[in-house]
N, C-alpha and C. Protein backbone atom coordinates (compact mmCIF):
# COMPACT_ATOMS: atom_id res chain seq x y z
N LYS A 1 24.84 98.98 244.84
CA LYS A 1 25.77 98.43 245.80
C LYS A 1 26.09 96.96 245.50
N ALA A 2 25.12 96.25 244.98
CA ALA A 2 25.31 94.82 244.72
C ALA A 2 26.26 94.58 243.56
N VAL A 3 26.32 95.50 242.62
CA VAL A 3 27.17 95.36 241.44
C VAL A 3 28.04 96.61 241.34
N PRO A 4 29.27 96.56 241.90
CA PRO A 4 30.09 97.77 242.01
C PRO A 4 30.94 98.11 240.79
N SER A 5 30.64 97.50 239.65
CA SER A 5 31.37 97.81 238.42
C SER A 5 30.44 97.59 237.24
N ALA A 6 30.76 98.27 236.14
CA ALA A 6 29.97 98.11 234.93
C ALA A 6 30.87 98.28 233.71
N ILE A 7 30.61 97.48 232.70
CA ILE A 7 31.30 97.62 231.42
C ILE A 7 30.34 98.34 230.50
N VAL A 8 30.81 99.43 229.90
CA VAL A 8 29.98 100.26 229.04
C VAL A 8 30.54 100.22 227.62
N SER A 9 29.70 99.87 226.68
CA SER A 9 30.13 99.79 225.28
C SER A 9 30.67 101.13 224.80
N GLY A 10 31.83 101.10 224.17
CA GLY A 10 32.43 102.31 223.62
C GLY A 10 33.03 103.22 224.67
N HIS A 11 33.22 102.73 225.86
CA HIS A 11 33.76 103.55 226.95
C HIS A 11 34.57 102.66 227.88
N ALA A 12 35.37 103.27 228.69
CA ALA A 12 36.12 102.51 229.69
C ALA A 12 35.15 101.95 230.74
N PRO A 13 35.56 100.91 231.46
CA PRO A 13 34.69 100.39 232.52
C PRO A 13 34.61 101.36 233.70
N PHE A 14 33.55 101.23 234.46
CA PHE A 14 33.36 102.04 235.66
C PHE A 14 33.37 101.12 236.87
N SER A 15 34.03 101.56 237.94
CA SER A 15 34.00 100.85 239.23
C SER A 15 33.88 101.88 240.33
N TRP A 16 33.23 101.50 241.40
CA TRP A 16 33.07 102.40 242.53
C TRP A 16 33.09 101.60 243.82
N GLY A 17 33.19 102.29 244.93
CA GLY A 17 33.23 101.65 246.24
C GLY A 17 33.08 102.68 247.33
N LYS A 18 33.17 102.22 248.57
CA LYS A 18 32.99 103.13 249.71
C LYS A 18 34.15 104.10 249.86
N ASN A 19 35.31 103.76 249.24
CA ASN A 19 36.47 104.66 249.23
C ASN A 19 37.32 104.30 247.99
N ALA A 20 38.39 105.04 247.79
CA ALA A 20 39.22 104.83 246.60
C ALA A 20 39.83 103.42 246.57
N HIS A 21 40.28 102.94 247.70
CA HIS A 21 40.87 101.60 247.78
C HIS A 21 39.85 100.54 247.36
N ASP A 22 38.64 100.65 247.86
CA ASP A 22 37.57 99.72 247.54
C ASP A 22 37.23 99.78 246.04
N ALA A 23 37.21 100.98 245.47
CA ALA A 23 36.92 101.13 244.04
C ALA A 23 38.00 100.48 243.18
N VAL A 24 39.25 100.64 243.57
CA VAL A 24 40.36 100.00 242.83
C VAL A 24 40.26 98.48 242.95
N HIS A 25 39.95 97.99 244.14
CA HIS A 25 39.76 96.55 244.33
C HIS A 25 38.67 96.03 243.37
N ASN A 26 37.56 96.76 243.29
CA ASN A 26 36.47 96.34 242.41
C ASN A 26 36.91 96.38 240.94
N SER A 27 37.77 97.30 240.58
CA SER A 27 38.31 97.35 239.21
C SER A 27 39.15 96.12 238.91
N VAL A 28 39.97 95.71 239.87
CA VAL A 28 40.81 94.53 239.70
C VAL A 28 39.93 93.28 239.55
N VAL A 29 38.89 93.19 240.36
CA VAL A 29 37.96 92.06 240.26
C VAL A 29 37.29 92.05 238.89
N LEU A 30 36.85 93.21 238.42
CA LEU A 30 36.23 93.31 237.10
C LEU A 30 37.18 92.83 236.01
N GLU A 31 38.44 93.24 236.07
CA GLU A 31 39.45 92.80 235.09
C GLU A 31 39.58 91.28 235.09
N GLU A 32 39.61 90.68 236.28
CA GLU A 32 39.76 89.23 236.38
C GLU A 32 38.54 88.50 235.82
N VAL A 33 37.36 89.00 236.14
CA VAL A 33 36.13 88.38 235.62
C VAL A 33 36.09 88.51 234.09
N ALA A 34 36.48 89.66 233.57
CA ALA A 34 36.52 89.85 232.12
C ALA A 34 37.52 88.89 231.46
N ALA A 35 38.67 88.69 232.09
CA ALA A 35 39.67 87.76 231.55
C ALA A 35 39.12 86.33 231.55
N MET A 36 38.42 85.94 232.61
CA MET A 36 37.82 84.61 232.66
C MET A 36 36.74 84.45 231.59
N ALA A 37 35.93 85.49 231.38
CA ALA A 37 34.89 85.44 230.36
C ALA A 37 35.51 85.31 228.97
N LEU A 38 36.57 86.05 228.71
CA LEU A 38 37.25 85.97 227.42
C LEU A 38 37.82 84.57 227.19
N ALA A 39 38.44 84.01 228.21
CA ALA A 39 38.99 82.65 228.08
C ALA A 39 37.88 81.64 227.84
N THR A 40 36.77 81.78 228.54
CA THR A 40 35.64 80.88 228.35
C THR A 40 35.09 80.98 226.94
N ARG A 41 34.91 82.21 226.45
CA ARG A 41 34.42 82.42 225.07
C ARG A 41 35.40 81.86 224.05
N SER A 42 36.69 81.93 224.34
CA SER A 42 37.70 81.39 223.41
C SER A 42 37.56 79.88 223.29
N LEU A 43 37.20 79.24 224.38
CA LEU A 43 37.03 77.78 224.37
C LEU A 43 35.69 77.36 223.77
N ASN A 44 34.65 78.18 224.00
CA ASN A 44 33.31 77.83 223.51
C ASN A 44 32.56 79.12 223.19
N SER A 45 32.58 79.53 221.94
CA SER A 45 31.99 80.81 221.55
C SER A 45 30.48 80.85 221.71
N GLY A 46 29.84 79.70 221.80
CA GLY A 46 28.39 79.65 221.91
C GLY A 46 27.87 79.50 223.33
N ILE A 47 28.74 79.61 224.30
CA ILE A 47 28.34 79.35 225.69
C ILE A 47 27.32 80.37 226.17
N LYS A 48 26.36 79.90 226.93
CA LYS A 48 25.34 80.76 227.53
C LYS A 48 25.27 80.45 229.02
N VAL A 49 25.09 81.48 229.83
CA VAL A 49 24.91 81.28 231.27
C VAL A 49 23.43 81.02 231.51
N GLN A 50 23.13 79.93 232.19
CA GLN A 50 21.73 79.62 232.51
C GLN A 50 21.21 80.65 233.50
N GLN A 51 20.03 81.20 233.24
CA GLN A 51 19.46 82.22 234.10
C GLN A 51 19.26 81.72 235.53
N GLU A 52 18.86 80.45 235.68
CA GLU A 52 18.66 79.89 237.02
C GLU A 52 19.97 79.89 237.81
N LEU A 53 21.06 79.56 237.15
CA LEU A 53 22.36 79.54 237.81
C LEU A 53 22.81 80.95 238.19
N SER A 54 22.63 81.89 237.28
CA SER A 54 22.96 83.28 237.56
C SER A 54 22.15 83.81 238.74
N ASP A 55 20.85 83.54 238.73
CA ASP A 55 19.97 83.98 239.83
C ASP A 55 20.38 83.35 241.16
N LYS A 56 20.71 82.06 241.14
CA LYS A 56 21.10 81.37 242.37
C LYS A 56 22.31 82.04 243.01
N HIS A 57 23.34 82.32 242.20
CA HIS A 57 24.56 82.90 242.75
C HIS A 57 24.35 84.34 243.20
N TYR A 58 23.51 85.07 242.48
CA TYR A 58 23.22 86.45 242.90
C TYR A 58 22.40 86.45 244.19
N ASN A 59 21.36 85.65 244.23
CA ASN A 59 20.44 85.67 245.37
C ASN A 59 21.04 85.09 246.64
N ARG A 60 22.00 84.19 246.52
CA ARG A 60 22.59 83.65 247.75
C ARG A 60 23.38 84.71 248.52
N LYS A 61 23.77 85.77 247.85
CA LYS A 61 24.46 86.85 248.54
C LYS A 61 23.59 88.09 248.69
N HIS A 62 22.72 88.36 247.74
CA HIS A 62 21.97 89.62 247.73
C HIS A 62 20.46 89.43 247.84
N GLY A 63 19.97 88.21 247.81
CA GLY A 63 18.52 87.98 247.82
C GLY A 63 17.91 88.12 249.20
N LYS A 64 16.60 87.95 249.24
CA LYS A 64 15.84 88.08 250.48
C LYS A 64 16.34 87.13 251.57
N ASN A 65 16.69 85.91 251.17
CA ASN A 65 17.17 84.90 252.14
C ASN A 65 18.67 84.64 251.97
N ALA A 66 19.44 85.71 251.81
CA ALA A 66 20.88 85.58 251.57
C ALA A 66 21.54 84.76 252.66
N TYR A 67 22.47 83.91 252.25
CA TYR A 67 23.15 83.05 253.21
C TYR A 67 24.66 82.99 252.96
N TYR A 68 25.19 83.78 252.06
CA TYR A 68 26.61 83.71 251.71
C TYR A 68 27.19 85.13 251.62
N GLY A 69 28.34 85.33 252.23
CA GLY A 69 29.07 86.57 252.06
C GLY A 69 28.64 87.73 252.94
N GLN A 70 27.86 87.46 253.98
CA GLN A 70 27.47 88.55 254.88
C GLN A 70 28.68 89.04 255.64
N LYS A 71 28.70 90.33 255.92
CA LYS A 71 29.83 90.91 256.66
C LYS A 71 29.41 91.24 258.05
């Protein structure tokens, strides 16, 4: 539920949601994130995401003490 899309090597991406509209929305978000990642890699091919930063953004919405994005 926390990650509603996946990119699979050698296959098309997968997206899902609570209904078809939600799944399509998640597909659009995945496309935008992929476009941003491609642009970032084009500017700096050696860029790495710091694990602490990745964890912070994930946990603020999905962690035990989540404080962002509650519905």
